[in-house]
Amino acid sequence: DGYFYHMMRQCRYSSKDLQGIELITSYVFNQAEYIRFNSTVGKYVGYTEYGVKNAEAWNKGPELAGELGELERVCKHNAPIYYSA
């Protein structure tokens, strides 16, 4: 047994327009999502007491800018590959 932690990053493509791309990053501990970044919302949202505290701190710190950079670096950069498949 032990603790189970993972982070999952998804790029969701709703149209060929690059403005329609959505980045979702989820943080999960023991099978419960405790915090999520959604590029459409534009900030971190906490789902547990621990997640709410982290979301408040991350929305004020460099983590938010880093996550917005991932939208450009990962999702928009890989969009042509996704659309060609």
PDB file of N, CA and C in Angstrom:
ATOM      1  N   ASP A   1       0.827  -1.184   0.000  1.00  0.00           N
ATOM      2  CA  ASP A   1       0.000   0.000   0.000  1.00  0.00           C
ATOM      3  C   ASP A   1       0.874   1.252   0.000  1.00  0.00           C
ATOM      4  N   GLY A   2       0.267   2.361   0.117  1.00  0.00           N
ATOM      5  CA  GLY A   2       0.971   3.623   0.118  1.00  0.00           C
ATOM      6  C   GLY A   2       0.092   4.699  -0.462  1.00  0.00           C
ATOM      7  N   TYR A   3       0.711   5.796  -0.771  1.00  0.00           N
ATOM      8  CA  TYR A   3      -0.034   6.929  -1.311  1.00  0.00           C
ATOM      9  C   TYR A   3       0.103   6.965  -2.818  1.00  0.00           C
ATOM     10  N   PHE A   4      -0.924   7.409  -3.455  1.00  0.00           N
ATOM     11  CA  PHE A   4      -0.981   7.463  -4.901  1.00  0.00           C
ATOM     12  C   PHE A   4      -1.144   8.917  -5.320  1.00  0.00           C
ATOM     13  N   TYR A   5      -0.181   9.435  -6.076  1.00  0.00           N
ATOM     14  CA  TYR A   5      -0.226  10.815  -6.545  1.00  0.00           C
ATOM     15  C   TYR A   5       0.023  10.820  -8.042  1.00  0.00           C
ATOM     16  N   HIS A   6      -0.715  11.629  -8.762  1.00  0.00           N
ATOM     17  CA  HIS A   6      -0.365  11.862 -10.160  1.00  0.00           C
ATOM     18  C   HIS A   6      -0.912  13.208 -10.631  1.00  0.00           C
ATOM     19  N   MET A   7      -0.273  13.686 -11.676  1.00  0.00           N
ATOM     20  CA  MET A   7      -0.676  14.929 -12.332  1.00  0.00           C
ATOM     21  C   MET A   7      -0.976  14.560 -13.782  1.00  0.00           C
ATOM     22  N   MET A   8      -2.090  15.037 -14.278  1.00  0.00           N
ATOM     23  CA  MET A   8      -2.474  14.735 -15.654  1.00  0.00           C
ATOM     24  C   MET A   8      -2.733  16.038 -16.399  1.00  0.00           C
ATOM     25  N   ARG A   9      -2.124  16.166 -17.560  1.00  0.00           N
ATOM     26  CA  ARG A   9      -2.303  17.356 -18.386  1.00  0.00           C
ATOM     27  C   ARG A   9      -2.991  16.935 -19.673  1.00  0.00           C
ATOM     28  N   GLN A  10      -4.066  17.635 -20.020  1.00  0.00           N
ATOM     29  CA  GLN A  10      -4.828  17.343 -21.229  1.00  0.00           C
ATOM     30  C   GLN A  10      -4.958  18.590 -22.090  1.00  0.00           C
ATOM     31  N   CYS A  11      -4.831  18.408 -23.365  1.00  0.00           N
ATOM     32  CA  CYS A  11      -5.156  19.470 -24.321  1.00  0.00           C
ATOM     33  C   CYS A  11      -6.440  19.044 -25.016  1.00  0.00           C
ATOM     34  N   ARG A  12      -7.425  19.890 -24.962  1.00  0.00           N
ATOM     35  CA  ARG A  12      -8.698  19.594 -25.620  1.00  0.00           C
ATOM     36  C   ARG A  12      -8.859  20.525 -26.804  1.00  0.00           C
ATOM     37  N   TYR A  13      -9.067  19.930 -27.964  1.00  0.00           N
ATOM     38  CA  TYR A  13      -9.184  20.670 -29.211  1.00  0.00           C
ATOM     39  C   TYR A  13     -10.636  20.622 -29.669  1.00  0.00           C
ATOM     40  N   SER A  14     -11.302  21.764 -29.686  1.00  0.00           N
ATOM     41  CA  SER A  14     -12.708  21.783 -30.069  1.00  0.00           C
ATOM     42  C   SER A  14     -12.912  22.238 -31.516  1.00  0.00           C
ATOM     43  N   SER A  15     -11.909  22.884 -32.090  1.00  0.00           N
ATOM     44  CA  SER A  15     -12.003  23.320 -33.475  1.00  0.00           C
ATOM     45  C   SER A  15     -10.598  23.546 -34.001  1.00  0.00           C
ATOM     46  N   LYS A  16     -10.461  23.800 -35.291  1.00  0.00           N
ATOM     47  CA  LYS A  16      -9.131  24.050 -35.852  1.00  0.00           C
ATOM     48  C   LYS A  16      -8.622  25.445 -35.526  1.00  0.00           C
ATOM     49  N   ASP A  17      -9.489  26.250 -34.981  1.00  0.00           N
ATOM     50  CA  ASP A  17      -9.088  27.580 -34.538  1.00  0.00           C
ATOM     51  C   ASP A  17      -8.272  27.431 -33.258  1.00  0.00           C
ATOM     52  N   LEU A  18      -7.068  27.965 -33.214  1.00  0.00           N
ATOM     53  CA  LEU A  18      -6.212  27.814 -32.048  1.00  0.00           C
ATOM     54  C   LEU A  18      -6.796  28.471 -30.803  1.00  0.00           C
ATOM     55  N   GLN A  19      -7.792  29.322 -30.962  1.00  0.00           N
ATOM     56  CA  GLN A  19      -8.429  29.941 -29.806  1.00  0.00           C
ATOM     57  C   GLN A  19      -9.348  28.943 -29.091  1.00  0.00           C
ATOM     58  N   GLY A  20      -9.685  27.841 -29.761  1.00  0.00           N
ATOM     59  CA  GLY A  20     -10.577  26.860 -29.179  1.00  0.00           C
ATOM     60  C   GLY A  20      -9.865  25.783 -28.385  1.00  0.00           C
ATOM     61  N   ILE A  21      -8.581  25.924 -28.155  1.00  0.00           N
ATOM     62  CA  ILE A  21      -7.821  24.916 -27.424  1.00  0.00           C
ATOM     63  C   ILE A  21      -7.934  25.185 -25.930  1.00  0.00           C
ATOM     64  N   GLU A  22      -8.144  24.110 -25.178  1.00  0.00           N
ATOM     65  CA  GLU A  22      -8.285  24.209 -23.731  1.00  0.00           C
ATOM     66  C   GLU A  22      -7.249  23.297 -23.073  1.00  0.00           C
ATOM     67  N   LEU A  23      -6.538  23.825 -22.099  1.00  0.00           N
ATOM     68  CA  LEU A  23      -5.577  23.047 -21.316  1.00  0.00           C
ATOM     69  C   LEU A  23      -6.173  22.784 -19.944  1.00  0.00           C
ATOM     70  N   ILE A  24      -6.148  21.525 -19.538  1.00  0.00           N
ATOM     71  CA  ILE A  24      -6.622  21.149 -18.205  1.00  0.00           C
ATOM     72  C   ILE A  24      -5.520  20.346 -17.529  1.00  0.00           C
ATOM     73  N   THR A  25      -5.100  20.799 -16.365  1.00  0.00           N
ATOM     74  CA  THR A  25      -4.105  20.087 -15.569  1.00  0.00           C
ATOM     75  C   THR A  25      -4.741  19.722 -14.244  1.00  0.00           C
ATOM     76  N   SER A  26      -4.772  18.423 -13.950  1.00  0.00           N
ATOM     77  CA  SER A  26      -5.395  17.921 -12.729  1.00  0.00           C
ATOM     78  C   SER A  26      -4.335  17.312 -11.820  1.00  0.00           C
ATOM     79  N   TYR A  27      -4.461  17.567 -10.530  1.00  0.00           N
ATOM     80  CA  TYR A  27      -3.583  17.001  -9.513  1.00  0.00           C
ATOM     81  C   TYR A  27      -4.431  16.094  -8.629  1.00  0.00           C
ATOM     82  N   VAL A  28      -4.013  14.832  -8.516  1.00  0.00           N
ATOM     83  CA  VAL A  28      -4.797  13.819  -7.829  1.00  0.00           C
ATOM     84  C   VAL A  28      -3.953  13.178  -6.736  1.00  0.00           C
ATOM     85  N   PHE A  29      -4.555  12.999  -5.557  1.00  0.00           N
ATOM     86  CA  PHE A  29      -3.907  12.304  -4.451  1.00  0.00           C
ATOM     87  C   PHE A  29      -4.882  11.283  -3.899  1.00  0.00           C
ATOM     88  N   ASN A  30      -4.459  10.028  -3.842  1.00  0.00           N
ATOM     89  CA  ASN A  30      -5.312   8.922  -3.380  1.00  0.00           C
ATOM     90  C   ASN A  30      -6.647   8.900  -4.117  1.00  0.00           C
ATOM     91  N   GLN A  31      -6.593   9.011  -5.414  1.00  0.00           N
ATOM     92  CA  GLN A  31      -7.730   8.920  -6.328  1.00  0.00           C
ATOM     93  C   GLN A  31      -8.742  10.047  -6.177  1.00  0.00           C
ATOM     94  N   ALA A  32      -8.372  11.120  -5.524  1.00  0.00           N
ATOM     95  CA  ALA A  32      -9.266  12.275  -5.381  1.00  0.00           C
ATOM     96  C   ALA A  32      -8.578  13.503  -5.961  1.00  0.00           C
ATOM     97  N   GLU A  33      -9.214  14.127  -6.934  1.00  0.00           N
ATOM     98  CA  GLU A  33      -8.660  15.348  -7.515  1.00  0.00           C
ATOM     99  C   GLU A  33      -8.778  16.465  -6.478  1.00  0.00           C
ATOM    100  N   TYR A  34      -7.652  17.101  -6.186  1.00  0.00           N
ATOM    101  CA  TYR A  34      -7.695  18.158  -5.171  1.00  0.00           C
ATOM    102  C   TYR A  34      -7.469  19.543  -5.743  1.00  0.00           C
ATOM    103  N   ILE A  35      -6.914  19.645  -6.944  1.00  0.00           N
ATOM    104  CA  ILE A  35      -6.738  20.963  -7.567  1.00  0.00           C
ATOM    105  C   ILE A  35      -6.702  20.785  -9.084  1.00  0.00           C
ATOM    106  N   ARG A  36      -7.204  21.802  -9.798  1.00  0.00           N
ATOM    107  CA  ARG A  36      -7.228  21.745 -11.265  1.00  0.00           C
ATOM    108  C   ARG A  36      -6.967  23.138 -11.828  1.00  0.00           C
ATOM    109  N   PHE A  37      -6.186  23.147 -12.905  1.00  0.00           N
ATOM    110  CA  PHE A  37      -6.029  24.368 -13.696  1.00  0.00           C
ATOM    111  C   PHE A  37      -6.799  24.158 -14.981  1.00  0.00           C
ATOM    112  N   ASN A  38      -7.596  25.136 -15.355  1.00  0.00           N
ATOM    113  CA  ASN A  38      -8.334  25.109 -16.612  1.00  0.00           C
ATOM    114  C   ASN A  38      -8.055  26.430 -17.313  1.00  0.00           C
ATOM    115  N   SER A  39      -7.517  26.352 -18.538  1.00  0.00           N
ATOM    116  CA  SER A  39      -7.152  27.579 -19.247  1.00  0.00           C
ATOM    117  C   SER A  39      -8.367  28.419 -19.606  1.00  0.00           C
ATOM    118  N   THR A  40      -9.535  27.805 -19.736  1.00  0.00           N
ATOM    119  CA  THR A  40     -10.746  28.574 -20.015  1.00  0.00           C
ATOM    120  C   THR A  40     -11.121  29.430 -18.811  1.00  0.00           C
ATOM    121  N   VAL A  41     -10.982  28.867 -17.618  1.00  0.00           N
ATOM    122  CA  VAL A  41     -11.241  29.609 -16.381  1.00  0.00           C
ATOM    123  C   VAL A  41     -10.093  30.591 -16.132  1.00  0.00           C
ATOM    124  N   GLY A  42      -8.864  30.168 -16.454  1.00  0.00           N
ATOM    125  CA  GLY A  42      -7.705  31.043 -16.327  1.00  0.00           C
ATOM    126  C   GLY A  42      -7.052  31.048 -14.960  1.00  0.00           C
ATOM    127  N   LYS A  43      -7.382  30.057 -14.133  1.00  0.00           N
ATOM    128  CA  LYS A  43      -6.786  29.995 -12.801  1.00  0.00           C
ATOM    129  C   LYS A  43      -6.922  28.586 -12.249  1.00  0.00           C
ATOM    130  N   TYR A  44      -6.248  28.364 -11.119  1.00  0.00           N
ATOM    131  CA  TYR A  44      -6.365  27.105 -10.396  1.00  0.00           C
ATOM    132  C   TYR A  44      -7.623  27.129  -9.540  1.00  0.00           C
ATOM    133  N   VAL A  45      -8.270  25.974  -9.422  1.00  0.00           N
ATOM    134  CA  VAL A  45      -9.451  25.827  -8.581  1.00  0.00           C
ATOM    135  C   VAL A  45      -9.217  24.625  -7.671  1.00  0.00           C
ATOM    136  N   GLY A  46      -9.425  24.814  -6.375  1.00  0.00           N
ATOM    137  CA  GLY A  46      -9.249  23.739  -5.412  1.00  0.00           C
ATOM    138  C   GLY A  46     -10.554  23.034  -5.130  1.00  0.00           C
ATOM    139  N   TYR A  47     -10.467  21.718  -4.907  1.00  0.00           N
ATOM    140  CA  TYR A  47     -11.656  20.910  -4.636  1.00  0.00           C
ATOM    141  C   TYR A  47     -11.668  20.326  -3.233  1.00  0.00           C
ATOM    142  N   THR A  48     -10.574  20.447  -2.523  1.00  0.00           N
ATOM    143  CA  THR A  48     -10.502  20.009  -1.133  1.00  0.00           C
ATOM    144  C   THR A  48      -9.946  21.177  -0.320  1.00  0.00           C
ATOM    145  N   GLU A  49      -9.928  21.034   0.982  1.00  0.00           N
ATOM    146  CA  GLU A  49      -9.371  22.103   1.820  1.00  0.00           C
ATOM    147  C   GLU A  49      -7.918  22.379   1.454  1.00  0.00           C
ATOM    148  N   TYR A  50      -7.146  21.317   1.286  1.00  0.00           N
ATOM    149  CA  TYR A  50      -5.744  21.454   0.878  1.00  0.00           C
ATOM    150  C   TYR A  50      -5.640  22.081  -0.518  1.00  0.00           C
ATOM    151  N   GLY A  51      -6.507  21.643  -1.433  1.00  0.00           N
ATOM    152  CA  GLY A  51      -6.503  22.165  -2.786  1.00  0.00           C
ATOM    153  C   GLY A  51      -6.862  23.640  -2.863  1.00  0.00           C
ATOM    154  N   VAL A  52      -7.810  24.070  -2.056  1.00  0.00           N
ATOM    155  CA  VAL A  52      -8.212  25.488  -2.035  1.00  0.00           C
ATOM    156  C   VAL A  52      -7.048  26.359  -1.575  1.00  0.00           C
ATOM    157  N   LYS A  53      -6.336  25.905  -0.537  1.00  0.00           N
ATOM    158  CA  LYS A  53      -5.180  26.664  -0.047  1.00  0.00           C
ATOM    159  C   LYS A  53      -4.090  26.749  -1.104  1.00  0.00           C
ATOM    160  N   ASN A  54      -3.830  25.639  -1.780  1.00  0.00           N
ATOM    161  CA  ASN A  54      -2.825  25.652  -2.832  1.00  0.00           C
ATOM    162  C   ASN A  54      -3.264  26.515  -4.008  1.00  0.00           C
ATOM    163  N   ALA A  55      -4.523  26.434  -4.377  1.00  0.00           N
ATOM    164  CA  ALA A  55      -5.025  27.231  -5.503  1.00  0.00           C
ATOM    165  C   ALA A  55      -4.852  28.721  -5.234  1.00  0.00           C
ATOM    166  N   GLU A  56      -5.153  29.151  -4.022  1.00  0.00           N
ATOM    167  CA  GLU A  56      -4.991  30.563  -3.667  1.00  0.00           C
ATOM    168  C   GLU A  56      -3.528  30.987  -3.812  1.00  0.00           C
ATOM    169  N   ALA A  57      -2.628  30.157  -3.319  1.00  0.00           N
ATOM    170  CA  ALA A  57      -1.195  30.487  -3.401  1.00  0.00           C
ATOM    171  C   ALA A  57      -0.692  30.426  -4.834  1.00  0.00           C
ATOM    172  N   TRP A  58      -1.065  29.396  -5.582  1.00  0.00           N
ATOM    173  CA  TRP A  58      -0.575  29.234  -6.945  1.00  0.00           C
ATOM    174  C   TRP A  58      -1.129  30.308  -7.874  1.00  0.00           C
ATOM    175  N   ASN A  59      -2.340  30.793  -7.620  1.00  0.00           N
ATOM    176  CA  ASN A  59      -2.907  31.852  -8.459  1.00  0.00           C
ATOM    177  C   ASN A  59      -2.198  33.186  -8.252  1.00  0.00           C
ATOM    178  N   LYS A  60      -1.488  33.347  -7.134  1.00  0.00           N
ATOM    179  CA  LYS A  60      -0.751  34.574  -6.847  1.00  0.00           C
ATOM    180  C   LYS A  60       0.725  34.460  -7.202  1.00  0.00           C
ATOM    181  N   GLY A  61       1.195  33.258  -7.471  1.00  0.00           N
ATOM    182  CA  GLY A  61       2.622  33.034  -7.694  1.00  0.00           C
ATOM    183  C   GLY A  61       2.967  32.758  -9.143  1.00  0.00           C
ATOM    184  N   PRO A  62       4.204  32.337  -9.372  1.00  0.00           N
ATOM    185  CA  PRO A  62       4.679  32.088 -10.737  1.00  0.00           C
ATOM    186  C   PRO A  62       4.071  30.836 -11.367  1.00  0.00           C
ATOM    187  N   GLU A  63       3.417  30.009 -10.577  1.00  0.00           N
ATOM    188  CA  GLU A  63       2.816  28.786 -11.112  1.00  0.00           C
ATOM    189  C   GLU A  63       1.752  29.086 -12.168  1.00  0.00           C
ATOM    190  N   LEU A  64       0.993  30.151 -11.962  1.00  0.00           N
ATOM    191  CA  LEU A  64      -0.069  30.501 -12.902  1.00  0.00           C
ATOM    192  C   LEU A  64       0.511  30.872 -14.263  1.00  0.00           C
ATOM    193  N   ALA A  65       1.538  31.693 -14.280  1.00  0.00           N
ATOM    194  CA  ALA A  65       2.178  32.071 -15.548  1.00  0.00           C
ATOM    195  C   ALA A  65       2.795  30.853 -16.219  1.00  0.00           C
ATOM    196  N   GLY A  66       3.351  29.958 -15.423  1.00  0.00           N
ATOM    197  CA  GLY A  66       3.937  28.746 -15.979  1.00  0.00           C
ATOM    198  C   GLY A  66       2.906  27.867 -16.644  1.00  0.00           C
ATOM    199  N   GLU A  67       1.744  27.758 -16.029  1.00  0.00           N
ATOM    200  CA  GLU A  67       0.679  26.937 -16.599  1.00  0.00           C
ATOM    201  C   GLU A  67       0.145  27.555 -17.889  1.00  0.00           C
ATOM    202  N   LEU A  68       0.009  28.857 -17.921  1.00  0.00           N
ATOM    203  CA  LEU A  68      -0.429  29.531 -19.152  1.00  0.00           C
ATOM    204  C   LEU A  68       0.603  29.346 -20.256  1.00  0.00           C
ATOM    205  N   GLY A  69       1.882  29.291 -19.878  1.00  0.00           N
ATOM    206  CA  GLY A  69       2.944  29.016 -20.851  1.00  0.00           C
ATOM    207  C   GLY A  69       2.839  27.617 -21.423  1.00  0.00           C
ATOM    208  N   GLU A  70       2.364  26.667 -20.617  1.00  0.00           N
ATOM    209  CA  GLU A  70       2.189  25.299 -21.105  1.00  0.00           C
ATOM    210  C   GLU A  70       1.123  25.236 -22.191  1.00  0.00           C
ATOM    211  N   LEU A  71       0.112  26.069 -22.097  1.00  0.00           N
ATOM    212  CA  LEU A  71      -0.913  26.119 -23.137  1.00  0.00           C
ATOM    213  C   LEU A  71      -0.266  26.444 -24.480  1.00  0.00           C
ATOM    214  N   GLU A  72       0.618  27.422 -24.492  1.00  0.00           N
ATOM    215  CA  GLU A  72       1.315  27.799 -25.727  1.00  0.00           C
ATOM    216  C   GLU A  72       2.333  26.734 -26.142  1.00  0.00           C
ATOM    217  N   ARG A  73       3.141  26.287 -25.172  1.00  0.00           N
ATOM    218  CA  ARG A  73       4.258  25.399 -25.465  1.00  0.00           C
ATOM    219  C   ARG A  73       3.817  23.996 -25.859  1.00  0.00           C
ATOM    220  N   VAL A  74       2.816  23.466 -25.212  1.00  0.00           N
ATOM    221  CA  VAL A  74       2.415  22.085 -25.456  1.00  0.00           C
ATOM    222  C   VAL A  74       1.215  22.011 -26.395  1.00  0.00           C
ATOM    223  N   CYS A  75       0.113  22.629 -26.016  1.00  0.00           N
ATOM    224  CA  CYS A  75      -1.131  22.450 -26.763  1.00  0.00           C
ATOM    225  C   CYS A  75      -1.096  23.100 -28.145  1.00  0.00           C
ATOM    226  N   LYS A  76      -0.782  24.372 -28.186  1.00  0.00           N
ATOM    227  CA  LYS A  76      -0.801  25.063 -29.480  1.00  0.00           C
ATOM    228  C   LYS A  76       0.328  24.589 -30.382  1.00  0.00           C
ATOM    229  N   HIS A  77       1.466  24.234 -29.798  1.00  0.00           N
ATOM    230  CA  HIS A  77       2.596  23.742 -30.588  1.00  0.00           C
ATOM    231  C   HIS A  77       2.261  22.403 -31.248  1.00  0.00           C
ATOM    232  N   ASN A  78       1.517  21.539 -30.541  1.00  0.00           N
ATOM    233  CA  ASN A  78       1.190  20.209 -31.053  1.00  0.00           C
ATOM    234  C   ASN A  78      -0.128  20.146 -31.813  1.00  0.00           C
ATOM    235  N   ALA A  79      -0.827  21.253 -31.940  1.00  0.00           N
ATOM    236  CA  ALA A  79      -2.118  21.271 -32.638  1.00  0.00           C
ATOM    237  C   ALA A  79      -2.011  20.761 -34.076  1.00  0.00           C
ATOM    238  N   PRO A  80      -1.006  21.164 -34.867  1.00  0.00           N
ATOM    239  CA  PRO A  80      -0.924  20.638 -36.242  1.00  0.00           C
ATOM    240  C   PRO A  80      -0.797  19.109 -36.292  1.00  0.00           C
ATOM    241  N   ILE A  81      -0.117  18.520 -35.328  1.00  0.00           N
ATOM    242  CA  ILE A  81       0.013  17.066 -35.282  1.00  0.00           C
ATOM    243  C   ILE A  81      -1.350  16.425 -34.994  1.00  0.00           C
ATOM    244  N   TYR A  82      -2.059  17.003 -34.047  1.00  0.00           N
ATOM    245  CA  TYR A  82      -3.370  16.490 -33.688  1.00  0.00           C
ATOM    246  C   TYR A  82      -4.341  16.587 -34.874  1.00  0.00           C
ATOM    247  N   TYR A  83      -4.359  17.741 -35.534  1.00  0.00           N
ATOM    248  CA  TYR A  83      -5.290  17.941 -36.633  1.00  0.00           C
ATOM    249  C   TYR A  83      -4.958  17.127 -37.862  1.00  0.00           C
ATOM    250  N   SER A  84      -3.694  16.753 -38.039  1.00  0.00           N
ATOM    251  CA  SER A  84      -3.317  15.971 -39.220  1.00  0.00           C
ATOM    252  C   SER A  84      -3.630  14.492 -39.041  1.00  0.00           C
ATOM    253  N   ALA A  85      -3.886  14.049 -37.819  1.00  0.00           N
ATOM    254  CA  ALA A  85      -4.145  12.618 -37.565  1.00  0.00           C
ATOM    255  C   ALA A  85      -5.560  12.222 -37.950  1.00  0.00           C
TER     256      ALA A  85
END
